[in-house]
Amino acid sequence: MNSIIKDYLTFSRREQQGIFILLLINLVVIGYNILLPDMLPIRKYDLSEFNHGVEQFIYMQKKRQDSLDSLKNLKKKYQYQKTKYQKKRKESFQPIEINGADSSELTKIRGIGPVFASRIVKYRNMLGGFYCKEQLKEVYGIDDENYPYISNQIQADSLIIKKLDINHIEFKTLLKHPYLNYDDVKAIFRCKDESGNKVTKGMLKKASGLQKERLEKILPYLSF
């Protein structure tokens, strides 16, 4: 047992030299670490410019965020005001009834000036009134381009149009209506003569020489 321990604890001359060199190296390293900080001056760095840059960056980021928040709030406020205005305008707006309105009332329609208003009244008198607002496109100057802009501002009451008593009307009076020409009126009076002035809607639809398209347009203005 003692021989085994002796073998482990006994070093050769070369091993002893190696252990000595290793201890020496350790002492040098330890001394270097202890003495070096005292021997070398500590260098101080000026970080003021860097800190200023960081502060400036943080300030600009905050300012940018404040601008975005302000813009979002402004947009929300605009949307709210716009919705409120549209709702108020929708509640207060009343379409203008074009059969009962005079020229001055018609000029309240956006897109209708004094000239158009005068034409509308003149054509309305010739027709006897508008039974639907689409007839407004028959007025000179009002077409498919500007009618959609006007249509949502108007309405037409078909109950107040002036009707023509077909069984008692005179030839010249019926001929004045813009929806009929001479041949149409002649065909209607021929039908009247054949029926003894007791013409009906069905008879007119069967009458020869009467344009069907014009008949459909004139029927709302006839009473039987």
Protein backbone atom coordinates (compact mmCIF):
# COMPACT_ATOMS: atom_id res chain seq x y z
CA MET A 1 0.00 0.00 0.00
CA ASN A 2 2.81 2.35 0.97
CA SER A 3 4.58 1.54 -2.27
CA ILE A 4 1.53 2.49 -4.30
CA ILE A 5 1.18 5.85 -2.48
CA LYS A 6 4.86 6.49 -2.91
CA ASP A 7 4.64 5.86 -6.64
CA TYR A 8 1.85 8.52 -6.94
CA LEU A 9 3.57 11.14 -4.79
CA THR A 10 7.08 10.71 -6.06
CA PHE A 11 8.09 12.89 -9.08
CA SER A 12 11.01 12.58 -11.34
CA ARG A 13 13.42 15.46 -11.80
CA ARG A 14 11.84 16.43 -15.10
CA GLU A 15 8.35 16.36 -13.57
CA GLN A 16 9.55 18.55 -10.73
CA GLN A 17 10.93 21.07 -13.21
CA GLY A 18 7.61 21.09 -15.08
CA ILE A 19 5.65 21.69 -11.90
CA PHE A 20 8.00 24.54 -10.98
CA ILE A 21 7.59 26.20 -14.40
CA LEU A 22 3.82 25.84 -14.20
CA LEU A 23 3.75 27.48 -10.74
CA LEU A 24 5.95 30.28 -12.03
CA ILE A 25 3.65 30.94 -14.96
CA ASN A 26 0.63 31.07 -12.63
CA LEU A 27 2.40 33.57 -10.36
CA VAL A 28 3.22 35.77 -13.38
CA VAL A 29 -0.40 35.71 -14.61
CA ILE A 30 -1.78 36.49 -11.16
CA GLY A 31 0.69 39.34 -10.67
CA TYR A 32 -0.09 40.73 -14.12
CA ASN A 33 -3.83 40.82 -13.38
CA ILE A 34 -3.22 42.49 -10.02
CA LEU A 35 -0.66 45.10 -11.08
CA LEU A 36 -1.80 45.94 -14.67
CA PRO A 37 -4.93 48.03 -13.77
CA ASP A 38 -2.78 50.24 -11.53
CA MET A 39 -0.09 50.59 -14.16
CA LEU A 40 -2.35 51.54 -17.09
CA PRO A 41 -4.39 54.80 -17.01
CA ILE A 42 -8.17 54.41 -17.30
CA ARG A 43 -9.37 56.05 -20.54
CA LYS A 44 -12.49 58.12 -20.23
CA TYR A 45 -14.84 58.39 -23.21
CA ASP A 46 -16.99 61.45 -23.96
CA LEU A 47 -20.51 60.05 -24.42
CA SER A 48 -22.29 63.41 -24.35
CA GLU A 49 -22.72 63.54 -28.14
CA PHE A 50 -24.02 59.98 -28.20
CA ASN A 51 -26.43 60.67 -25.34
CA HIS A 52 -27.62 63.83 -27.10
CA GLY A 53 -28.26 61.82 -30.26
CA VAL A 54 -30.24 59.24 -28.31
CA GLU A 55 -32.29 61.96 -26.62
CA GLN A 56 -32.93 63.64 -29.99
CA PHE A 57 -34.04 60.34 -31.53
CA ILE A 58 -36.42 59.64 -28.62
CA TYR A 59 -37.80 63.19 -28.91
CA MET A 60 -38.41 62.87 -32.66
CA GLN A 61 -40.08 59.48 -32.22
CA LYS A 62 -42.40 60.92 -29.55
CA LYS A 63 -43.13 63.96 -31.71
CA ARG A 64 -43.91 61.71 -34.68
CA GLN A 65 -46.22 59.57 -32.54
CA ASP A 66 -47.95 62.70 -31.22
CA SER A 67 -48.44 63.89 -34.81
CA LEU A 68 -49.93 60.54 -35.83
CA ASP A 69 -52.25 60.56 -32.81
CA SER A 70 -53.27 64.13 -33.60
CA LEU A 71 -53.93 63.21 -37.23
CA LYS A 72 -56.02 60.20 -36.19
CA ASN A 73 -58.06 62.34 -33.80
CA LEU A 74 -58.53 64.98 -36.48
CA LYS A 75 -59.68 62.32 -38.96
CA LYS A 76 -62.14 60.88 -36.42
CA LYS A 77 -63.47 64.37 -35.71
CA TYR A 78 -63.87 65.06 -39.45
CA GLN A 79 -65.67 61.76 -40.03
CA TYR A 80 -67.97 62.49 -37.08
CA GLN A 81 -68.75 66.01 -38.32
CA LYS A 82 -69.30 64.73 -41.86
CA THR A 83 -71.66 61.97 -40.70
CA LYS A 84 -73.50 64.42 -38.47
CA TYR A 85 -73.85 66.93 -41.31
CA GLN A 86 -75.05 64.29 -43.80
CA LYS A 87 -77.57 62.97 -41.29
CA LYS A 88 -78.84 66.47 -40.52
CA ARG A 89 -79.02 67.33 -44.21
CA LYS A 90 -80.86 64.10 -44.98
CA GLU A 91 -83.36 64.76 -42.20
CA SER A 92 -83.97 68.37 -43.26
CA PHE A 93 -84.02 67.83 -47.04
CA GLN A 94 -87.41 67.46 -48.69
CA PRO A 95 -87.63 66.59 -52.40
CA ILE A 96 -89.36 69.22 -54.50
CA GLU A 97 -92.65 68.16 -56.09
CA ILE A 98 -92.27 69.24 -59.72
CA ASN A 99 -95.98 69.35 -60.60
CA GLY A 100 -96.86 71.96 -57.99
CA ALA A 101 -93.62 73.96 -57.86
CA ASP A 102 -93.33 77.31 -59.59
CA SER A 103 -90.21 78.59 -61.35
CA SER A 104 -88.63 80.06 -58.22
CA GLU A 105 -89.11 76.81 -56.28
CA LEU A 106 -87.64 74.78 -59.13
CA THR A 107 -84.43 76.85 -59.00
CA LYS A 108 -83.85 75.47 -55.49
CA ILE A 109 -83.01 72.17 -57.17
CA ARG A 110 -79.23 71.95 -57.56
CA GLY A 111 -78.49 71.90 -61.27
CA ILE A 112 -81.68 73.78 -62.23
CA GLY A 113 -81.29 77.46 -63.03
CA PRO A 114 -83.90 80.01 -64.20
CA VAL A 115 -83.68 78.87 -67.84
CA PHE A 116 -84.27 75.19 -67.02
CA ALA A 117 -87.00 76.11 -64.55
CA SER A 118 -88.83 78.08 -67.26
CA ARG A 119 -88.53 75.19 -69.72
CA ILE A 120 -89.83 72.71 -67.13
CA VAL A 121 -92.91 74.82 -66.37
CA LYS A 122 -93.62 75.35 -70.07
CA TYR A 123 -93.32 71.64 -70.91
CA ARG A 124 -95.32 70.67 -67.82
CA ASN A 125 -98.21 72.89 -68.96
CA MET A 126 -98.11 71.30 -72.41
CA LEU A 127 -98.24 67.79 -70.94
CA GLY A 128 -100.71 68.49 -68.17
CA GLY A 129 -98.11 67.55 -65.54
CA PHE A 130 -95.52 64.82 -64.99
CA TYR A 131 -96.81 61.39 -64.02
CA CYS A 132 -93.23 60.27 -63.29
CA LYS A 133 -90.07 62.24 -62.67
CA GLU A 134 -88.22 60.47 -65.51
CA GLN A 135 -90.26 62.60 -67.92
CA LEU A 136 -88.04 65.48 -66.91
CA LYS A 137 -85.46 64.10 -69.36
CA GLU A 138 -87.83 65.15 -72.16
CA VAL A 139 -87.16 68.79 -71.28
CA TYR A 140 -84.60 70.30 -73.64
CA GLY A 141 -81.16 70.36 -72.02
CA ILE A 142 -81.83 67.70 -69.37
CA ASP A 143 -80.27 64.42 -70.46
CA ASP A 144 -78.90 61.16 -69.07
CA GLU A 145 -75.77 62.95 -67.92
CA ASN A 146 -77.27 65.56 -65.61
CA TYR A 147 -80.59 63.86 -64.78
CA PRO A 148 -79.16 61.44 -62.14
CA TYR A 149 -77.83 64.45 -60.23
CA ILE A 150 -81.29 66.06 -60.28
CA SER A 151 -83.50 63.00 -59.79
CA ASN A 152 -82.78 62.49 -56.08
CA GLN A 153 -83.95 66.04 -55.37
CA ILE A 154 -87.40 65.77 -56.96
CA GLN A 155 -90.64 63.81 -56.92
CA ALA A 156 -93.72 63.80 -59.12
CA ASP A 157 -97.26 63.47 -57.80
CA SER A 158 -99.19 61.73 -60.58
CA LEU A 159 -102.51 62.39 -58.82
CA ILE A 160 -102.47 66.06 -59.72
CA ILE A 161 -101.83 65.82 -63.46
CA LYS A 162 -104.48 67.31 -65.73
CA LYS A 163 -106.52 64.63 -67.53
CA LEU A 164 -108.23 64.92 -70.90
CA ASP A 165 -111.78 63.62 -71.33
CA ILE A 166 -111.23 61.58 -74.46
CA ASN A 167 -114.95 61.25 -75.24
CA HIS A 168 -115.60 65.00 -75.12
CA ILE A 169 -112.35 66.59 -76.24
CA GLU A 170 -111.99 68.50 -79.50
CA PHE A 171 -109.63 67.46 -82.26
CA LYS A 172 -107.50 70.64 -82.08
CA THR A 173 -107.16 70.42 -78.32
CA LEU A 174 -105.93 66.82 -78.39
CA LEU A 175 -103.55 67.64 -81.23
CA LYS A 176 -101.74 70.13 -78.98
CA HIS A 177 -100.50 67.38 -76.70
CA PRO A 178 -96.75 66.75 -77.33
CA TYR A 179 -97.15 62.96 -77.23
CA LEU A 180 -99.47 62.79 -80.28
CA ASN A 181 -99.14 63.72 -83.92
CA TYR A 182 -101.84 64.34 -86.50
CA ASP A 183 -102.16 60.67 -87.57
CA ASP A 184 -102.49 59.52 -83.94
CA VAL A 185 -105.26 62.02 -83.19
CA LYS A 186 -107.01 61.12 -86.45
CA ALA A 187 -106.93 57.41 -85.49
CA ILE A 188 -108.38 58.24 -82.03
CA PHE A 189 -111.24 60.25 -83.50
CA ARG A 190 -111.96 57.54 -86.02
CA CYS A 191 -112.29 55.13 -83.10
CA LYS A 192 -114.56 57.63 -81.33
CA ASP A 193 -116.83 57.95 -84.34
CA GLU A 194 -117.10 54.17 -84.66
CA SER A 195 -118.01 53.81 -80.97
CA GLY A 196 -120.41 56.74 -80.84
CA ASN A 197 -118.11 58.74 -78.57
CA LYS A 198 -118.00 55.89 -76.04
CA VAL A 199 -114.41 54.89 -76.61
CA THR A 200 -112.60 52.80 -74.01
CA LYS A 201 -108.96 52.06 -73.30
CA GLY A 202 -109.30 48.61 -74.85
CA MET A 203 -110.75 50.11 -78.03
CA LEU A 204 -107.84 52.52 -78.37
CA LYS A 205 -105.36 49.69 -78.02
CA LYS A 206 -107.03 47.92 -80.93
CA ALA A 207 -107.41 51.05 -83.08
CA SER A 208 -105.55 50.94 -86.38
CA GLY A 209 -103.17 53.75 -87.29
CA LEU A 210 -102.40 54.60 -83.68
CA GLN A 211 -98.76 54.23 -82.65
CA LYS A 212 -98.66 51.87 -79.65
CA GLU A 213 -95.67 53.62 -78.11
CA ARG A 214 -97.41 56.99 -78.19
CA LEU A 215 -100.61 55.45 -76.89
CA GLU A 216 -98.83 54.08 -73.80
CA LYS A 217 -97.39 57.52 -73.14
CA ILE A 218 -100.72 59.38 -73.57
CA LEU A 219 -102.91 56.94 -71.60
CA PRO A 220 -102.05 58.39 -68.14
CA TYR A 221 -103.45 61.73 -69.38
CA LEU A 222 -106.77 60.36 -70.65
CA SER A 223 -110.01 59.85 -68.79
CA PHE A 224 -112.79 57.68 -70.23
